[in-house]
Amino acid sequence: MHYVYLLENEDDKSWYIGFTTNIEERVNAHNQSKGGRTTRLKSHWKLIYYEMYLNKMDAIGREKFLKSGSGRRYLKKQLIHYLKNT
């Protein structure tokens, strides 16, 4: 399986969108400052959304979309109830 995921920083509510084949391991790596530059500078990342794909290229394409302006608007719409409660 291939995962596209959205992390939220519990301190400043910033988001990080990524791609992995092992979501649990990857979230743990981000929280241990072993992720990319963006997540290494902060701690306290929480997984708030993910999608699973059978095909790697489908997942990579979805990650690129979610990182775009349209993709971020899509996520805000999908997570409207979560965002209202935080």
N, C-alpha and C. Protein backbone atom coordinates (compact mmCIF):
# COMPACT_ATOMS: atom_id res chain seq x y z
N MET A 1 0.83 -1.19 0.00
CA MET A 1 0.00 0.00 0.00
C MET A 1 0.88 1.25 0.00
N HIS A 2 0.33 2.29 -0.57
CA HIS A 2 0.98 3.59 -0.60
C HIS A 2 0.03 4.60 0.03
N TYR A 3 0.56 5.43 0.89
CA TYR A 3 -0.26 6.36 1.65
C TYR A 3 0.12 7.81 1.33
N VAL A 4 -0.88 8.65 1.24
CA VAL A 4 -0.71 10.09 1.21
C VAL A 4 -1.31 10.57 2.53
N TYR A 5 -0.58 11.38 3.26
CA TYR A 5 -1.02 11.72 4.60
C TYR A 5 -0.89 13.21 4.89
N LEU A 6 -1.66 13.63 5.88
CA LEU A 6 -1.64 15.02 6.34
C LEU A 6 -1.36 15.02 7.83
N LEU A 7 -0.29 15.71 8.20
CA LEU A 7 0.05 15.88 9.60
C LEU A 7 -0.27 17.30 10.01
N GLU A 8 -0.66 17.46 11.26
CA GLU A 8 -0.87 18.80 11.81
C GLU A 8 0.05 18.96 13.00
N ASN A 9 0.72 20.10 13.07
CA ASN A 9 1.58 20.38 14.21
C ASN A 9 0.69 20.84 15.35
N GLU A 10 0.81 20.17 16.49
CA GLU A 10 -0.06 20.49 17.63
C GLU A 10 0.28 21.82 18.26
N ASP A 11 1.45 22.36 18.01
CA ASP A 11 1.84 23.63 18.61
C ASP A 11 1.32 24.83 17.81
N ASP A 12 1.57 24.84 16.50
CA ASP A 12 1.19 26.02 15.70
C ASP A 12 0.13 25.74 14.64
N LYS A 13 -0.38 24.50 14.60
CA LYS A 13 -1.45 24.09 13.68
C LYS A 13 -1.03 24.11 12.20
N SER A 14 0.26 24.14 11.92
CA SER A 14 0.72 24.07 10.53
C SER A 14 0.54 22.64 10.01
N TRP A 15 0.49 22.49 8.69
CA TRP A 15 0.26 21.21 8.06
C TRP A 15 1.48 20.73 7.29
N TYR A 16 1.60 19.42 7.17
CA TYR A 16 2.60 18.80 6.33
C TYR A 16 1.92 17.68 5.56
N ILE A 17 2.09 17.65 4.26
CA ILE A 17 1.52 16.60 3.40
C ILE A 17 2.67 15.76 2.86
N GLY A 18 2.54 14.45 2.98
CA GLY A 18 3.60 13.57 2.53
C GLY A 18 3.09 12.27 1.93
N PHE A 19 4.03 11.42 1.55
CA PHE A 19 3.77 10.14 0.89
C PHE A 19 4.67 9.09 1.53
N THR A 20 4.16 7.88 1.75
CA THR A 20 4.95 6.81 2.34
C THR A 20 4.34 5.45 2.04
N THR A 21 5.09 4.40 2.33
CA THR A 21 4.54 3.04 2.23
C THR A 21 4.27 2.47 3.62
N ASN A 22 4.75 3.12 4.66
CA ASN A 22 4.50 2.68 6.04
C ASN A 22 4.13 3.90 6.87
N ILE A 23 2.85 4.13 7.02
CA ILE A 23 2.39 5.39 7.62
C ILE A 23 2.76 5.50 9.11
N GLU A 24 2.62 4.42 9.84
CA GLU A 24 2.94 4.47 11.28
C GLU A 24 4.41 4.79 11.50
N GLU A 25 5.27 4.12 10.78
CA GLU A 25 6.71 4.35 10.89
C GLU A 25 7.08 5.78 10.48
N ARG A 26 6.43 6.27 9.43
CA ARG A 26 6.75 7.60 8.92
C ARG A 26 6.33 8.70 9.90
N VAL A 27 5.15 8.56 10.50
CA VAL A 27 4.70 9.55 11.49
C VAL A 27 5.65 9.54 12.68
N ASN A 28 6.05 8.36 13.12
CA ASN A 28 7.01 8.27 14.23
C ASN A 28 8.33 8.94 13.85
N ALA A 29 8.79 8.74 12.64
CA ALA A 29 10.04 9.37 12.19
C ALA A 29 9.91 10.90 12.22
N HIS A 30 8.79 11.43 11.76
CA HIS A 30 8.59 12.88 11.81
C HIS A 30 8.66 13.39 13.25
N ASN A 31 8.07 12.66 14.16
CA ASN A 31 8.06 13.09 15.56
C ASN A 31 9.40 12.89 16.26
N GLN A 32 10.29 12.14 15.65
CA GLN A 32 11.64 11.95 16.20
C GLN A 32 12.66 12.80 15.45
N SER A 33 12.16 13.81 14.72
CA SER A 33 13.00 14.72 13.94
C SER A 33 13.83 14.01 12.88
N LYS A 34 13.30 12.92 12.32
CA LYS A 34 13.99 12.18 11.27
C LYS A 34 13.31 12.38 9.92
N GLY A 35 12.37 13.30 9.87
CA GLY A 35 11.65 13.56 8.63
C GLY A 35 12.40 14.57 7.78
N GLY A 36 11.69 15.13 6.83
CA GLY A 36 12.26 16.16 5.98
C GLY A 36 12.51 17.45 6.75
N ARG A 37 13.11 18.40 6.09
CA ARG A 37 13.49 19.67 6.73
C ARG A 37 12.30 20.34 7.42
N THR A 38 11.16 20.35 6.77
CA THR A 38 9.98 21.03 7.31
C THR A 38 9.56 20.45 8.65
N THR A 39 9.50 19.14 8.76
CA THR A 39 9.05 18.53 10.00
C THR A 39 10.18 18.35 11.02
N ARG A 40 11.40 18.37 10.58
CA ARG A 40 12.53 18.22 11.50
C ARG A 40 12.65 19.41 12.42
N LEU A 41 12.22 20.58 11.96
CA LEU A 41 12.35 21.81 12.74
C LEU A 41 11.32 21.92 13.86
N LYS A 42 10.29 21.06 13.81
CA LYS A 42 9.23 21.11 14.81
C LYS A 42 8.99 19.71 15.35
N SER A 43 8.29 19.64 16.46
CA SER A 43 7.88 18.34 17.00
C SER A 43 6.38 18.37 17.24
N HIS A 44 5.84 17.31 17.78
CA HIS A 44 4.41 17.20 18.09
C HIS A 44 3.53 17.17 16.85
N TRP A 45 3.85 16.28 15.91
CA TRP A 45 3.03 16.10 14.71
C TRP A 45 1.97 15.06 14.98
N LYS A 46 0.76 15.34 14.50
CA LYS A 46 -0.37 14.44 14.67
C LYS A 46 -0.97 14.12 13.31
N LEU A 47 -1.20 12.84 13.05
CA LEU A 47 -1.83 12.41 11.81
C LEU A 47 -3.31 12.76 11.88
N ILE A 48 -3.79 13.55 10.90
CA ILE A 48 -5.21 13.93 10.92
C ILE A 48 -5.96 13.45 9.68
N TYR A 49 -5.24 12.95 8.66
CA TYR A 49 -5.92 12.51 7.44
C TYR A 49 -4.96 11.65 6.62
N TYR A 50 -5.49 10.62 5.99
CA TYR A 50 -4.67 9.85 5.05
C TYR A 50 -5.57 9.16 4.03
N GLU A 51 -4.96 8.82 2.91
CA GLU A 51 -5.61 8.07 1.83
C GLU A 51 -4.67 6.94 1.44
N MET A 52 -5.24 5.79 1.04
CA MET A 52 -4.44 4.64 0.62
C MET A 52 -4.60 4.41 -0.87
N TYR A 53 -3.50 4.01 -1.50
CA TYR A 53 -3.50 3.72 -2.93
C TYR A 53 -2.76 2.42 -3.19
N LEU A 54 -3.21 1.67 -4.18
CA LEU A 54 -2.52 0.45 -4.59
C LEU A 54 -1.32 0.76 -5.48
N ASN A 55 -1.42 1.83 -6.25
CA ASN A 55 -0.39 2.18 -7.21
C ASN A 55 0.42 3.39 -6.72
N LYS A 56 1.73 3.26 -6.75
CA LYS A 56 2.62 4.31 -6.27
C LYS A 56 2.42 5.62 -7.04
N MET A 57 2.30 5.55 -8.35
CA MET A 57 2.17 6.78 -9.14
C MET A 57 0.84 7.49 -8.86
N ASP A 58 -0.21 6.75 -8.56
CA ASP A 58 -1.47 7.37 -8.17
C ASP A 58 -1.31 8.15 -6.87
N ALA A 59 -0.60 7.56 -5.92
CA ALA A 59 -0.37 8.22 -4.63
C ALA A 59 0.48 9.47 -4.80
N ILE A 60 1.52 9.39 -5.62
CA ILE A 60 2.38 10.55 -5.84
C ILE A 60 1.61 11.67 -6.52
N GLY A 61 0.76 11.32 -7.47
CA GLY A 61 -0.08 12.32 -8.13
C GLY A 61 -1.03 12.99 -7.15
N ARG A 62 -1.60 12.20 -6.25
CA ARG A 62 -2.52 12.75 -5.26
C ARG A 62 -1.78 13.66 -4.28
N GLU A 63 -0.59 13.27 -3.88
CA GLU A 63 0.21 14.11 -3.00
C GLU A 63 0.47 15.47 -3.65
N LYS A 64 0.84 15.47 -4.91
CA LYS A 64 1.09 16.73 -5.62
C LYS A 64 -0.16 17.59 -5.66
N PHE A 65 -1.33 16.95 -5.92
CA PHE A 65 -2.58 17.71 -5.93
C PHE A 65 -2.87 18.31 -4.57
N LEU A 66 -2.75 17.51 -3.50
CA LEU A 66 -3.08 18.01 -2.16
C LEU A 66 -2.16 19.14 -1.72
N LYS A 67 -0.96 19.19 -2.27
CA LYS A 67 -0.03 20.27 -1.94
C LYS A 67 -0.35 21.56 -2.70
N SER A 68 -1.22 21.48 -3.70
CA SER A 68 -1.59 22.66 -4.48
C SER A 68 -2.67 23.45 -3.74
N GLY A 69 -2.96 24.63 -4.23
CA GLY A 69 -4.01 25.45 -3.64
C GLY A 69 -5.36 24.76 -3.68
N SER A 70 -5.69 24.15 -4.81
CA SER A 70 -6.96 23.42 -4.93
C SER A 70 -7.01 22.24 -3.96
N GLY A 71 -5.89 21.57 -3.80
CA GLY A 71 -5.82 20.43 -2.90
C GLY A 71 -6.00 20.84 -1.45
N ARG A 72 -5.40 21.95 -1.07
CA ARG A 72 -5.56 22.43 0.30
C ARG A 72 -6.99 22.87 0.57
N ARG A 73 -7.62 23.48 -0.42
CA ARG A 73 -9.05 23.83 -0.27
C ARG A 73 -9.89 22.57 -0.11
N TYR A 74 -9.57 21.53 -0.88
CA TYR A 74 -10.27 20.25 -0.77
C TYR A 74 -10.13 19.70 0.66
N LEU A 75 -8.91 19.71 1.20
CA LEU A 75 -8.69 19.18 2.54
C LEU A 75 -9.46 19.98 3.59
N LYS A 76 -9.46 21.29 3.45
CA LYS A 76 -10.20 22.12 4.41
C LYS A 76 -11.69 21.82 4.37
N LYS A 77 -12.20 21.55 3.19
CA LYS A 77 -13.61 21.19 3.05
C LYS A 77 -13.88 19.81 3.66
N GLN A 78 -13.00 18.85 3.41
CA GLN A 78 -13.16 17.50 3.95
C GLN A 78 -13.06 17.48 5.47
N LEU A 79 -12.26 18.34 6.02
CA LEU A 79 -11.97 18.33 7.46
C LEU A 79 -12.69 19.45 8.21
N ILE A 80 -13.75 19.96 7.66
CA ILE A 80 -14.44 21.13 8.22
C ILE A 80 -14.84 20.92 9.69
N HIS A 81 -15.33 19.73 10.03
CA HIS A 81 -15.76 19.48 11.41
C HIS A 81 -14.56 19.37 12.35
N TYR A 82 -13.50 18.74 11.89
CA TYR A 82 -12.28 18.65 12.70
C TYR A 82 -11.72 20.05 12.95
N LEU A 83 -11.64 20.85 11.91
CA LEU A 83 -11.05 22.18 12.03
C LEU A 83 -11.87 23.10 12.93
N LYS A 84 -13.19 22.93 12.95
CA LYS A 84 -14.04 23.74 13.83
C LYS A 84 -13.82 23.40 15.30
N ASN A 85 -13.42 22.17 15.57
CA ASN A 85 -13.25 21.72 16.95
C ASN A 85 -11.84 21.90 17.49
N THR A 86 -10.94 22.42 16.68
CA THR A 86 -9.56 22.58 17.17
C THR A 86 -9.24 24.03 17.41
